[in-house]
Full PDB file with SEQRES, HELIX, SHEET, SSBOND, CRYST1, ORIGX, SCALE, CONECT and MASTER records, all heavy atoms in Angstrom:
SEQRES   1 A   42  ALA ILE THR GLN LYS LEU GLU THR VAL LEU LYS GLU HIS          
SEQRES   2 A   42  THR SER GLU VAL ARG ALA VAL SER TRP GLN PRO HIS THR          
SEQRES   3 A   42  SER TYR LEU ALA SER VAL ASP LYS MET LYS LYS ALA VAL          
SEQRES   4 A   42  VAL TRP GLY                                                  
SHEET    1 AA1 3 VAL A  17  TRP A  22  0                                        
SHEET    2 AA1 3 LEU A  29  ASP A  33 -1                                        
SHEET    3 AA1 3 ALA A  38  TRP A  41 -1                                        
CRYST1    1.000    1.000    1.000  90.00  90.00  90.00 P 1           1          
ORIGX1      1.000000  0.000000  0.000000        0.00000                         
ORIGX2      0.000000  1.000000  0.000000        0.00000                         
ORIGX3      0.000000  0.000000  1.000000        0.00000                         
SCALE1      1.000000  0.000000  0.000000        0.00000                         
SCALE2      0.000000  1.000000  0.000000        0.00000                         
SCALE3      0.000000  0.000000  1.000000        0.00000                         
ATOM      1  N   ALA A   1     -16.502  17.495 -15.364  1.00  0.00           N  
ATOM      2  CA  ALA A   1     -17.501  17.167 -16.369  1.00  0.00           C  
ATOM      3  C   ALA A   1     -18.761  18.032 -16.234  1.00  0.00           C  
ATOM      4  O   ALA A   1     -19.478  18.218 -17.208  1.00  0.00           O  
ATOM      5  CB  ALA A   1     -17.883  15.682 -16.290  1.00  0.00           C  
ATOM      6  N   ILE A   2     -19.006  18.581 -15.051  1.00  0.00           N  
ATOM      7  CA  ILE A   2     -20.198  19.391 -14.838  1.00  0.00           C  
ATOM      8  C   ILE A   2     -19.977  20.811 -15.342  1.00  0.00           C  
ATOM      9  O   ILE A   2     -20.757  21.350 -16.125  1.00  0.00           O  
ATOM     10  CB  ILE A   2     -20.576  19.403 -13.339  1.00  0.00           C  
ATOM     11  CG1 ILE A   2     -20.631  17.991 -12.747  1.00  0.00           C  
ATOM     12  CG2 ILE A   2     -21.900  20.163 -13.136  1.00  0.00           C  
ATOM     13  CD1 ILE A   2     -21.574  17.031 -13.428  1.00  0.00           C  
ATOM     14  N   THR A   3     -18.877  21.460 -14.873  1.00  0.00           N  
ATOM     15  CA  THR A   3     -18.619  22.845 -15.270  1.00  0.00           C  
ATOM     16  C   THR A   3     -17.907  22.933 -16.616  1.00  0.00           C  
ATOM     17  O   THR A   3     -17.818  24.012 -17.204  1.00  0.00           O  
ATOM     18  CB  THR A   3     -17.751  23.550 -14.212  1.00  0.00           C  
ATOM     19  OG1 THR A   3     -16.456  22.926 -14.178  1.00  0.00           O  
ATOM     20  CG2 THR A   3     -18.399  23.502 -12.847  1.00  0.00           C  
ATOM     21  N   GLN A   4     -17.379  21.794 -17.094  1.00  0.00           N  
ATOM     22  CA  GLN A   4     -16.625  21.709 -18.353  1.00  0.00           C  
ATOM     23  C   GLN A   4     -15.330  22.535 -18.317  1.00  0.00           C  
ATOM     24  O   GLN A   4     -14.829  22.953 -19.350  1.00  0.00           O  
ATOM     25  CB  GLN A   4     -17.496  22.083 -19.541  1.00  0.00           C  
ATOM     26  CG  GLN A   4     -18.710  21.208 -19.675  1.00  0.00           C  
ATOM     27  CD  GLN A   4     -19.592  21.566 -20.831  1.00  0.00           C  
ATOM     28  OE1 GLN A   4     -19.183  22.245 -21.764  1.00  0.00           O  
ATOM     29  NE2 GLN A   4     -20.815  21.106 -20.802  1.00  0.00           N  
ATOM     30  N   LYS A   5     -14.787  22.744 -17.121  1.00  0.00           N  
ATOM     31  CA  LYS A   5     -13.533  23.511 -16.963  1.00  0.00           C  
ATOM     32  C   LYS A   5     -12.392  22.534 -16.632  1.00  0.00           C  
ATOM     33  O   LYS A   5     -12.590  21.531 -15.968  1.00  0.00           O  
ATOM     34  CB  LYS A   5     -13.671  24.513 -15.812  1.00  0.00           C  
ATOM     35  CG  LYS A   5     -14.808  25.485 -15.960  1.00  0.00           C  
ATOM     36  CD  LYS A   5     -14.455  26.586 -16.898  1.00  0.00           C  
ATOM     37  CE  LYS A   5     -15.544  27.649 -16.871  1.00  0.00           C  
ATOM     38  NZ  LYS A   5     -15.720  28.340 -18.100  1.00  0.00           N  
ATOM     39  N   LEU A   6     -11.194  22.898 -17.102  1.00  0.00           N  
ATOM     40  CA  LEU A   6     -10.004  22.132 -16.763  1.00  0.00           C  
ATOM     41  C   LEU A   6      -9.695  22.352 -15.281  1.00  0.00           C  
ATOM     42  O   LEU A   6      -9.529  23.465 -14.826  1.00  0.00           O  
ATOM     43  CB  LEU A   6      -8.805  22.582 -17.620  1.00  0.00           C  
ATOM     44  CG  LEU A   6      -7.501  21.837 -17.400  1.00  0.00           C  
ATOM     45  CD1 LEU A   6      -7.620  20.377 -17.804  1.00  0.00           C  
ATOM     46  CD2 LEU A   6      -6.378  22.512 -18.181  1.00  0.00           C  
ATOM     47  N   GLU A   7      -9.672  21.242 -14.517  1.00  0.00           N  
ATOM     48  CA  GLU A   7      -9.420  21.333 -13.064  1.00  0.00           C  
ATOM     49  C   GLU A   7      -7.931  21.394 -12.770  1.00  0.00           C  
ATOM     50  O   GLU A   7      -7.484  22.213 -11.985  1.00  0.00           O  
ATOM     51  CB  GLU A   7     -10.006  20.103 -12.347  1.00  0.00           C  
ATOM     52  CG  GLU A   7     -11.507  20.091 -12.252  1.00  0.00           C  
ATOM     53  CD  GLU A   7     -12.024  20.941 -11.118  1.00  0.00           C  
ATOM     54  OE1 GLU A   7     -11.444  20.928 -10.011  1.00  0.00           O  
ATOM     55  OE2 GLU A   7     -13.041  21.624 -11.331  1.00  0.00           O  
ATOM     56  N   THR A   8      -7.161  20.484 -13.406  1.00  0.00           N  
ATOM     57  CA  THR A   8      -5.739  20.412 -13.110  1.00  0.00           C  
ATOM     58  C   THR A   8      -5.020  19.631 -14.203  1.00  0.00           C  
ATOM     59  O   THR A   8      -5.639  18.884 -14.953  1.00  0.00           O  
ATOM     60  CB  THR A   8      -5.490  19.751 -11.727  1.00  0.00           C  
ATOM     61  OG1 THR A   8      -4.105  19.875 -11.386  1.00  0.00           O  
ATOM     62  CG2 THR A   8      -5.867  18.286 -11.742  1.00  0.00           C  
ATOM     63  N   VAL A   9      -3.711  19.827 -14.253  1.00  0.00           N  
ATOM     64  CA  VAL A   9      -2.839  18.991 -15.071  1.00  0.00           C  
ATOM     65  C   VAL A   9      -1.807  18.396 -14.128  1.00  0.00           C  
ATOM     66  O   VAL A   9      -1.019  19.127 -13.517  1.00  0.00           O  
ATOM     67  CB  VAL A   9      -2.141  19.798 -16.190  1.00  0.00           C  
ATOM     68  CG1 VAL A   9      -1.233  18.879 -17.012  1.00  0.00           C  
ATOM     69  CG2 VAL A   9      -3.163  20.490 -17.090  1.00  0.00           C  
ATOM     70  N   LEU A  10      -1.844  17.094 -13.964  1.00  0.00           N  
ATOM     71  CA  LEU A  10      -0.929  16.380 -13.063  1.00  0.00           C  
ATOM     72  C   LEU A  10       0.364  16.090 -13.812  1.00  0.00           C  
ATOM     73  O   LEU A  10       0.342  15.578 -14.923  1.00  0.00           O  
ATOM     74  CB  LEU A  10      -1.579  15.091 -12.584  1.00  0.00           C  
ATOM     75  CG  LEU A  10      -2.963  15.242 -11.913  1.00  0.00           C  
ATOM     76  CD1 LEU A  10      -3.601  13.897 -11.702  1.00  0.00           C  
ATOM     77  CD2 LEU A  10      -2.823  15.989 -10.593  1.00  0.00           C  
ATOM     78  N   LYS A  11       1.493  16.462 -13.171  1.00  0.00           N  
ATOM     79  CA  LYS A  11       2.775  16.326 -13.852  1.00  0.00           C  
ATOM     80  C   LYS A  11       3.732  15.474 -13.020  1.00  0.00           C  
ATOM     81  O   LYS A  11       4.159  15.876 -11.952  1.00  0.00           O  
ATOM     82  CB  LYS A  11       3.359  17.708 -14.106  1.00  0.00           C  
ATOM     83  CG  LYS A  11       2.522  18.530 -15.045  1.00  0.00           C  
ATOM     84  CD  LYS A  11       3.089  19.888 -15.314  1.00  0.00           C  
ATOM     85  CE  LYS A  11       2.187  20.642 -16.270  1.00  0.00           C  
ATOM     86  NZ  LYS A  11       2.669  21.982 -16.529  1.00  0.00           N  
ATOM     87  N   GLU A  12       4.027  14.320 -13.535  1.00  0.00           N  
ATOM     88  CA  GLU A  12       5.012  13.420 -12.929  1.00  0.00           C  
ATOM     89  C   GLU A  12       5.690  12.597 -14.012  1.00  0.00           C  
ATOM     90  O   GLU A  12       6.838  12.188 -13.863  1.00  0.00           O  
ATOM     91  CB  GLU A  12       4.326  12.499 -11.905  1.00  0.00           C  
ATOM     92  CG  GLU A  12       5.233  11.536 -11.182  1.00  0.00           C  
ATOM     93  CD  GLU A  12       6.224  12.195 -10.236  1.00  0.00           C  
ATOM     94  OE1 GLU A  12       5.898  13.277  -9.695  1.00  0.00           O  
ATOM     95  OE2 GLU A  12       7.301  11.633 -10.015  1.00  0.00           O  
ATOM     96  N   HIS A  13       4.980  12.388 -15.103  1.00  0.00           N  
ATOM     97  CA  HIS A  13       5.508  11.604 -16.221  1.00  0.00           C  
ATOM     98  C   HIS A  13       6.427  12.472 -17.083  1.00  0.00           C  
ATOM     99  O   HIS A  13       6.210  13.674 -17.231  1.00  0.00           O  
ATOM    100  CB  HIS A  13       4.371  11.079 -17.086  1.00  0.00           C  
ATOM    101  CG  HIS A  13       3.498  10.101 -16.366  1.00  0.00           C  
ATOM    102  ND1 HIS A  13       3.810   8.774 -16.224  1.00  0.00           N  
ATOM    103  CD2 HIS A  13       2.285  10.270 -15.766  1.00  0.00           C  
ATOM    104  CE1 HIS A  13       2.844   8.159 -15.570  1.00  0.00           C  
ATOM    105  NE2 HIS A  13       1.912   9.044 -15.281  1.00  0.00           N  
ATOM    106  N   THR A  14       7.404  11.827 -17.709  1.00  0.00           N  
ATOM    107  CA  THR A  14       8.296  12.541 -18.629  1.00  0.00           C  
ATOM    108  C   THR A  14       8.133  12.047 -20.055  1.00  0.00           C  
ATOM    109  O   THR A  14       8.836  12.494 -20.959  1.00  0.00           O  
ATOM    110  CB  THR A  14       9.772  12.368 -18.218  1.00  0.00           C  
ATOM    111  OG1 THR A  14      10.068  10.975 -18.116  1.00  0.00           O  
ATOM    112  CG2 THR A  14      10.021  13.056 -16.867  1.00  0.00           C  
ATOM    113  N   SER A  15       7.200  11.117 -20.285  1.00  0.00           N  
ATOM    114  CA  SER A  15       6.891  10.646 -21.633  1.00  0.00           C  
ATOM    115  C   SER A  15       5.380  10.549 -21.800  1.00  0.00           C  
ATOM    116  O   SER A  15       4.628  10.719 -20.823  1.00  0.00           O  
ATOM    117  CB  SER A  15       7.564   9.294 -21.900  1.00  0.00           C  
ATOM    118  OG  SER A  15       7.026   8.284 -21.076  1.00  0.00           O  
ATOM    119  N   GLU A  16       4.951  10.259 -23.003  1.00  0.00           N  
ATOM    120  CA  GLU A  16       3.540  10.206 -23.359  1.00  0.00           C  
ATOM    121  C   GLU A  16       2.743   9.301 -22.432  1.00  0.00           C  
ATOM    122  O   GLU A  16       3.097   8.134 -22.206  1.00  0.00           O  
ATOM    123  CB  GLU A  16       3.450   9.692 -24.789  1.00  0.00           C  
ATOM    124  CG  GLU A  16       2.114   9.228 -25.259  1.00  0.00           C  
ATOM    125  CD  GLU A  16       2.230   8.367 -26.501  1.00  0.00           C  
ATOM    126  OE1 GLU A  16       3.129   8.619 -27.328  1.00  0.00           O  
ATOM    127  OE2 GLU A  16       1.447   7.425 -26.596  1.00  0.00           O  
ATOM    128  N   VAL A  17       1.656   9.831 -21.867  1.00  0.00           N  
ATOM    129  CA  VAL A  17       0.781   9.051 -20.980  1.00  0.00           C  
ATOM    130  C   VAL A  17      -0.248   8.332 -21.848  1.00  0.00           C  
ATOM    131  O   VAL A  17      -0.998   8.954 -22.598  1.00  0.00           O  
ATOM    132  CB  VAL A  17       0.094   9.933 -19.919  1.00  0.00           C  
ATOM    133  CG1 VAL A  17      -0.856   9.111 -19.069  1.00  0.00           C  
ATOM    134  CG2 VAL A  17       1.143  10.623 -19.059  1.00  0.00           C  
ATOM    135  N   ARG A  18      -0.273   7.012 -21.736  1.00  0.00           N  
ATOM    136  CA  ARG A  18      -1.113   6.202 -22.632  1.00  0.00           C  
ATOM    137  C   ARG A  18      -2.450   5.810 -22.035  1.00  0.00           C  
ATOM    138  O   ARG A  18      -3.402   5.601 -22.776  1.00  0.00           O  
ATOM    139  CB  ARG A  18      -0.357   4.936 -23.046  1.00  0.00           C  
ATOM    140  CG  ARG A  18       0.874   5.252 -23.853  1.00  0.00           C  
ATOM    141  CD  ARG A  18       0.961   4.410 -25.074  1.00  0.00           C  
ATOM    142  NE  ARG A  18       1.907   4.901 -26.032  1.00  0.00           N  
ATOM    143  CZ  ARG A  18       2.762   4.131 -26.690  1.00  0.00           C  
ATOM    144  NH1 ARG A  18       2.782   2.846 -26.472  1.00  0.00           N  
ATOM    145  NH2 ARG A  18       3.558   4.668 -27.571  1.00  0.00           N  
ATOM    146  N   ALA A  19      -2.527   5.645 -20.714  1.00  0.00           N  
ATOM    147  CA  ALA A  19      -3.788   5.208 -20.124  1.00  0.00           C  
ATOM    148  C   ALA A  19      -3.951   5.758 -18.710  1.00  0.00           C  
ATOM    149  O   ALA A  19      -2.958   5.993 -18.013  1.00  0.00           O  
ATOM    150  CB  ALA A  19      -3.855   3.695 -20.102  1.00  0.00           C  
ATOM    151  N   VAL A  20      -5.203   5.971 -18.339  1.00  0.00           N  
ATOM    152  CA  VAL A  20      -5.550   6.375 -16.983  1.00  0.00           C  
ATOM    153  C   VAL A  20      -6.704   5.498 -16.501  1.00  0.00           C  
ATOM    154  O   VAL A  20      -7.472   4.975 -17.307  1.00  0.00           O  
ATOM    155  CB  VAL A  20      -5.965   7.872 -16.886  1.00  0.00           C  
ATOM    156  CG1 VAL A  20      -4.806   8.779 -17.232  1.00  0.00           C  
ATOM    157  CG2 VAL A  20      -7.166   8.159 -17.771  1.00  0.00           C  
ATOM    158  N   SER A  21      -6.808   5.331 -15.185  1.00  0.00           N  
ATOM    159  CA  SER A  21      -7.896   4.540 -14.621  1.00  0.00           C  
ATOM    160  C   SER A  21      -8.177   5.037 -13.208  1.00  0.00           C  
ATOM    161  O   SER A  21      -7.253   5.247 -12.419  1.00  0.00           O  
ATOM    162  CB  SER A  21      -7.519   3.081 -14.593  1.00  0.00           C  
ATOM    163  OG  SER A  21      -8.568   2.307 -14.038  1.00  0.00           O  
ATOM    164  N   TRP A  22      -9.446   5.227 -12.892  1.00  0.00           N  
ATOM    165  CA  TRP A  22      -9.865   5.646 -11.543  1.00  0.00           C  
ATOM    166  C   TRP A  22     -10.114   4.408 -10.706  1.00  0.00           C  
ATOM    167  O   TRP A  22     -10.670   3.423 -11.164  1.00  0.00           O  
ATOM    168  CB  TRP A  22     -11.162   6.468 -11.614  1.00  0.00           C  
ATOM    169  CG  TRP A  22     -11.014   7.757 -12.333  1.00  0.00           C  
ATOM    170  CD1 TRP A  22     -11.121   7.969 -13.669  1.00  0.00           C  
ATOM    171  CD2 TRP A  22     -10.767   9.048 -11.750  1.00  0.00           C  
ATOM    172  NE1 TRP A  22     -10.946   9.292 -13.963  1.00  0.00           N  
ATOM    173  CE2 TRP A  22     -10.725   9.977 -12.801  1.00  0.00           C  
ATOM    174  CE3 TRP A  22     -10.568   9.492 -10.441  1.00  0.00           C  
ATOM    175  CZ2 TRP A  22     -10.502  11.337 -12.591  1.00  0.00           C  
ATOM    176  CZ3 TRP A  22     -10.343  10.840 -10.223  1.00  0.00           C  
ATOM    177  CH2 TRP A  22     -10.320  11.749 -11.284  1.00  0.00           C  
ATOM    178  N   GLN A  23      -9.746   4.488  -9.425  1.00  0.00           N  
ATOM    179  CA  GLN A  23     -10.087   3.425  -8.477  1.00  0.00           C  
ATOM    180  C   GLN A  23     -11.612   3.492  -8.300  1.00  0.00           C  
ATOM    181  O   GLN A  23     -12.162   4.567  -8.107  1.00  0.00           O  
ATOM    182  CB  GLN A  23      -9.341   3.651  -7.150  1.00  0.00           C  
ATOM    183  CG  GLN A  23      -9.197   2.426  -6.302  1.00  0.00           C  
ATOM    184  CD  GLN A  23     -10.415   2.070  -5.472  1.00  0.00           C  
ATOM    185  OE1 GLN A  23     -11.279   2.911  -5.241  1.00  0.00           O  
ATOM    186  NE2 GLN A  23     -10.485   0.833  -5.046  1.00  0.00           N  
ATOM    187  N   PRO A  24     -12.332   2.380  -8.415  1.00  0.00           N  
ATOM    188  CA  PRO A  24     -13.793   2.417  -8.462  1.00  0.00           C  
ATOM    189  C   PRO A  24     -14.506   3.027  -7.255  1.00  0.00           C  
ATOM    190  O   PRO A  24     -15.626   3.488  -7.388  1.00  0.00           O  
ATOM    191  CB  PRO A  24     -14.189   0.955  -8.606  1.00  0.00           C  
ATOM    192  CG  PRO A  24     -12.988   0.268  -9.133  1.00  0.00           C  
ATOM    193  CD  PRO A  24     -11.811   1.024  -8.613  1.00  0.00           C  
ATOM    194  N   HIS A  25     -13.879   3.053  -6.054  1.00  0.00           N  
ATOM    195  CA  HIS A  25     -14.596   3.495  -4.874  1.00  0.00           C  
ATOM    196  C   HIS A  25     -14.006   4.731  -4.201  1.00  0.00           C  
ATOM    197  O   HIS A  25     -14.469   5.132  -3.137  1.00  0.00           O  
ATOM    198  CB  HIS A  25     -14.672   2.338  -3.874  1.00  0.00           C  
ATOM    199  CG  HIS A  25     -15.296   1.110  -4.466  1.00  0.00           C  
ATOM    200  ND1 HIS A  25     -16.608   1.025  -4.845  1.00  0.00           N  
ATOM    201  CD2 HIS A  25     -14.741  -0.097  -4.801  1.00  0.00           C  
ATOM    202  CE1 HIS A  25     -16.858  -0.157  -5.367  1.00  0.00           C  
ATOM    203  NE2 HIS A  25     -15.727  -0.862  -5.349  1.00  0.00           N  
ATOM    204  N   THR A  26     -12.958   5.313  -4.817  1.00  0.00           N  
ATOM    205  CA  THR A  26     -12.370   6.525  -4.259  1.00  0.00           C  
ATOM    206  C   THR A  26     -12.045   7.460  -5.426  1.00  0.00           C  
ATOM    207  O   THR A  26     -12.398   7.179  -6.564  1.00  0.00           O  
ATOM    208  CB  THR A  26     -11.055   6.221  -3.498  1.00  0.00           C  
ATOM    209  OG1 THR A  26     -10.061   5.768  -4.447  1.00  0.00           O  
ATOM    210  CG2 THR A  26     -11.237   5.164  -2.422  1.00  0.00           C  
ATOM    211  N   SER A  27     -11.352   8.549  -5.129  1.00  0.00           N  
ATOM    212  CA  SER A  27     -10.935   9.434  -6.236  1.00  0.00           C  
ATOM    213  C   SER A  27      -9.446   9.275  -6.517  1.00  0.00           C  
ATOM    214  O   SER A  27      -8.803  10.198  -7.022  1.00  0.00           O  
ATOM    215  CB  SER A  27     -11.315  10.876  -5.919  1.00  0.00           C  
ATOM    216  OG  SER A  27     -10.723  11.282  -4.720  1.00  0.00           O  
ATOM    217  N   TYR A  28      -8.880   8.125  -6.216  1.00  0.00           N  
ATOM    218  CA  TYR A  28      -7.510   7.824  -6.603  1.00  0.00           C  
ATOM    219  C   TYR A  28      -7.466   7.562  -8.109  1.00  0.00           C  
ATOM    220  O   TYR A  28      -8.386   6.969  -8.670  1.00  0.00           O  
ATOM    221  CB  TYR A  28      -6.950   6.614  -5.877  1.00  0.00           C  
ATOM    222  CG  TYR A  28      -6.570   6.908  -4.443  1.00  0.00           C  
ATOM    223  CD1 TYR A  28      -7.512   6.819  -3.434  1.00  0.00           C  
ATOM    224  CD2 TYR A  28      -5.280   7.288  -4.127  1.00  0.00           C  
ATOM    225  CE1 TYR A  28      -7.163   7.095  -2.102  1.00  0.00           C  
ATOM    226  CE2 TYR A  28      -4.911   7.557  -2.796  1.00  0.00           C  
ATOM    227  CZ  TYR A  28      -5.861   7.461  -1.814  1.00  0.00           C  
ATOM    228  OH  TYR A  28      -5.513   7.743  -0.518  1.00  0.00           O  
ATOM    229  N   LEU A  29      -6.404   8.008  -8.735  1.00  0.00           N  
ATOM    230  CA  LEU A  29      -6.229   7.890 -10.178  1.00  0.00           C  
ATOM    231  C   LEU A  29      -4.878   7.276 -10.479  1.00  0.00           C  
ATOM    232  O   LEU A  29      -3.879   7.650  -9.888  1.00  0.00           O  
ATOM    233  CB  LEU A  29      -6.329   9.274 -10.827  1.00  0.00           C  
ATOM    234  CG  LEU A  29      -6.164   9.422 -12.328  1.00  0.00           C  
ATOM    235  CD1 LEU A  29      -7.300   8.712 -13.061  1.00  0.00           C  
ATOM    236  CD2 LEU A  29      -6.089  10.873 -12.722  1.00  0.00           C  
ATOM    237  N   ALA A  30      -4.865   6.309 -11.386  1.00  0.00           N  
ATOM    238  CA  ALA A  30      -3.592   5.709 -11.839  1.00  0.00           C  
ATOM    239  C   ALA A  30      -3.340   6.095 -13.295  1.00  0.00           C  
ATOM    240  O   ALA A  30      -4.285   6.257 -14.073  1.00  0.00           O  
ATOM    241  CB  ALA A  30      -3.652   4.188 -11.715  1.00  0.00           C  
ATOM    242  N   SER A  31      -2.068   6.288 -13.638  1.00  0.00           N  
ATOM    243  CA  SER A  31      -1.702   6.617 -15.014  1.00  0.00           C  
ATOM    244  C   SER A  31      -0.420   5.833 -15.354  1.00  0.00           C  
ATOM    245  O   SER A  31       0.386   5.536 -14.506  1.00  0.00           O  
ATOM    246  CB  SER A  31      -1.486   8.117 -15.182  1.00  0.00           C  
ATOM    247  OG  SER A  31      -0.526   8.604 -14.258  1.00  0.00           O  
ATOM    248  N   VAL A  32      -0.306   5.514 -16.652  1.00  0.00           N  
ATOM    249  CA  VAL A  32       0.878   4.776 -17.102  1.00  0.00           C  
ATOM    250  C   VAL A  32       1.373   5.415 -18.407  1.00  0.00           C  
ATOM    251  O   VAL A  32       0.575   5.860 -19.219  1.00  0.00           O  
ATOM    252  CB  VAL A  32       0.550   3.260 -17.278  1.00  0.00           C  
ATOM    253  CG1 VAL A  32      -0.470   3.037 -18.358  1.00  0.00           C  
ATOM    254  CG2 VAL A  32       1.816   2.474 -17.550  1.00  0.00           C  
ATOM    255  N   ASP A  33       2.709   5.471 -18.558  1.00  0.00           N  
ATOM    256  CA  ASP A  33       3.259   6.144 -19.719  1.00  0.00           C  
ATOM    257  C   ASP A  33       3.993   5.181 -20.641  1.00  0.00           C  
ATOM    258  O   ASP A  33       4.130   3.991 -20.376  1.00  0.00           O  
ATOM    259  CB  ASP A  33       4.138   7.323 -19.331  1.00  0.00           C  
ATOM    260  CG  ASP A  33       5.408   6.953 -18.604  1.00  0.00           C  
ATOM    261  OD1 ASP A  33       5.960   5.843 -18.807  1.00  0.00           O  
ATOM    262  OD2 ASP A  33       5.915   7.777 -17.797  1.00  0.00           O  
ATOM    263  N   LYS A  34       4.441   5.721 -21.754  1.00  0.00           N  
ATOM    264  CA  LYS A  34       5.103   4.952 -22.814  1.00  0.00           C  
ATOM    265  C   LYS A  34       6.364   4.262 -22.316  1.00  0.00           C  
ATOM    266  O   LYS A  34       6.750   3.196 -22.813  1.00  0.00           O  
ATOM    267  CB  LYS A  34       5.440   5.925 -23.957  1.00  0.00           C  
ATOM    268  CG  LYS A  34       6.074   5.288 -25.147  1.00  0.00           C  
ATOM    269  CD  LYS A  34       6.344   6.351 -26.221  1.00  0.00           C  
ATOM    270  CE  LYS A  34       7.014   5.748 -27.429  1.00  0.00           C  
ATOM    271  NZ  LYS A  34       7.253   6.764 -28.455  1.00  0.00           N  
ATOM    272  N   MET A  35       7.045   4.836 -21.331  1.00  0.00           N  
ATOM    273  CA  MET A  35       8.284   4.270 -20.809  1.00  0.00           C  
ATOM    274  C   MET A  35       8.071   3.307 -19.664  1.00  0.00           C  
ATOM    275  O   MET A  35       8.963   3.021 -18.893  1.00  0.00           O  
ATOM    276  CB  MET A  35       9.240   5.405 -20.403  1.00  0.00           C  
ATOM    277  CG  MET A  35       9.551   6.396 -21.515  1.00  0.00           C  
ATOM    278  SD  MET A  35      10.178   5.625 -23.027  1.00  0.00           S  
ATOM    279  CE  MET A  35      11.756   5.067 -22.480  1.00  0.00           C  
ATOM    280  N   LYS A  36       6.830   2.820 -19.492  1.00  0.00           N  
ATOM    281  CA  LYS A  36       6.426   1.815 -18.518  1.00  0.00           C  
ATOM    282  C   LYS A  36       6.432   2.313 -17.066  1.00  0.00           C  
ATOM    283  O   LYS A  36       6.523   1.526 -16.129  1.00  0.00           O  
ATOM    284  CB  LYS A  36       7.315   0.574 -18.646  1.00  0.00           C  
ATOM    285  CG  LYS A  36       7.316  -0.032 -20.041  1.00  0.00           C  
ATOM    286  CD  LYS A  36       8.255  -1.211 -20.114  1.00  0.00           C  
ATOM    287  CE  LYS A  36       8.341  -1.726 -21.528  1.00  0.00           C  
ATOM    288  NZ  LYS A  36       9.288  -2.810 -21.698  1.00  0.00           N  
ATOM    289  N   LYS A  37       6.302   3.632 -16.897  1.00  0.00           N  
ATOM    290  CA  LYS A  37       6.205   4.171 -15.552  1.00  0.00           C  
ATOM    291  C   LYS A  37       4.738   4.337 -15.180  1.00  0.00           C  
ATOM    292  O   LYS A  37       3.961   4.902 -15.940  1.00  0.00           O  
ATOM    293  CB  LYS A  37       6.899   5.543 -15.490  1.00  0.00           C  
ATOM    294  CG  LYS A  37       6.796   6.196 -14.138  1.00  0.00           C  
ATOM    295  CD  LYS A  37       7.530   7.533 -14.137  1.00  0.00           C  
ATOM    296  CE  LYS A  37       7.491   8.225 -12.799  1.00  0.00           C  
ATOM    297  NZ  LYS A  37       8.193   9.521 -12.830  1.00  0.00           N  
ATOM    298  N   ALA A  38       4.377   3.821 -14.027  1.00  0.00           N  
ATOM    299  CA  ALA A  38       3.011   3.960 -13.509  1.00  0.00           C  
ATOM    300  C   ALA A  38       3.036   4.899 -12.312  1.00  0.00           C  
ATOM    301  O   ALA A  38       3.949   4.866 -11.497  1.00  0.00           O  
ATOM    302  CB  ALA A  38       2.433   2.603 -13.102  1.00  0.00           C  
ATOM    303  N   VAL A  39       2.026   5.742 -12.221  1.00  0.00           N  
ATOM    304  CA  VAL A  39       1.893   6.682 -11.109  1.00  0.00           C  
ATOM    305  C   VAL A  39       0.490   6.547 -10.526  1.00  0.00           C  
ATOM    306  O   VAL A  39      -0.498   6.467 -11.268  1.00  0.00           O  
ATOM    307  CB  VAL A  39       2.118   8.134 -11.555  1.00  0.00           C  
ATOM    308  CG1 VAL A  39       1.889   9.114 -10.408  1.00  0.00           C  
ATOM    309  CG2 VAL A  39       3.503   8.324 -12.156  1.00  0.00           C  
ATOM    310  N   VAL A  40       0.388   6.482  -9.197  1.00  0.00           N  
ATOM    311  CA  VAL A  40      -0.914   6.493  -8.527  1.00  0.00           C  
ATOM    312  C   VAL A  40      -1.019   7.833  -7.842  1.00  0.00           C  
ATOM    313  O   VAL A  40      -0.184   8.198  -7.017  1.00  0.00           O  
ATOM    314  CB  VAL A  40      -1.062   5.325  -7.519  1.00  0.00           C  
ATOM    315  CG1 VAL A  40      -2.397   5.442  -6.798  1.00  0.00           C  
ATOM    316  CG2 VAL A  40      -0.933   3.985  -8.224  1.00  0.00           C  
ATOM    317  N   TRP A  41      -2.052   8.568  -8.219  1.00  0.00           N  
ATOM    318  CA  TRP A  41      -2.291   9.899  -7.669  1.00  0.00           C  
ATOM    319  C   TRP A  41      -3.229   9.808  -6.500  1.00  0.00           C  
ATOM    320  O   TRP A  41      -4.226   9.077  -6.569  1.00  0.00           O  
ATOM    321  CB  TRP A  41      -2.880  10.811  -8.748  1.00  0.00           C  
ATOM    322  CG  TRP A  41      -2.052  10.841 -10.011  1.00  0.00           C  
ATOM    323  CD1 TRP A  41      -2.191  10.024 -11.082  1.00  0.00           C  
ATOM    324  CD2 TRP A  41      -0.979  11.722 -10.305  1.00  0.00           C  
ATOM    325  NE1 TRP A  41      -1.248  10.332 -12.050  1.00  0.00           N  
ATOM    326  CE2 TRP A  41      -0.471  11.376 -11.599  1.00  0.00           C  
ATOM    327  CE3 TRP A  41      -0.344  12.773  -9.626  1.00  0.00           C  
ATOM    328  CZ2 TRP A  41       0.572  12.041 -12.200  1.00  0.00           C  
ATOM    329  CZ3 TRP A  41       0.697  13.428 -10.224  1.00  0.00           C  
ATOM    330  CH2 TRP A  41       1.157  13.072 -11.499  1.00  0.00           C  
ATOM    331  N   GLY A  42      -2.950  10.546  -5.431  1.00  0.00           N  
ATOM    332  CA  GLY A  42      -3.844  10.573  -4.256  1.00  0.00           C  
ATOM    333  C   GLY A  42      -5.166  11.182  -4.615  1.00  0.00           C  
ATOM    334  O   GLY A  42      -5.487  11.389  -5.774  1.00  0.00           O  
TER     335      GLY A  42                                                      
MASTER        0    0    0    0    3    0    0    6  334    1    0    4          
END                                                                             
């Protein structure tokens, strides 16, 4: 958000990713896709 540059594209899902959420006290990120698969990123 500071440099306005794309940092990374995380790839684990094989269908449309509908929602993401950051863990409030760390930099862990969760994502969930259309096919009901959830991924927690380190």
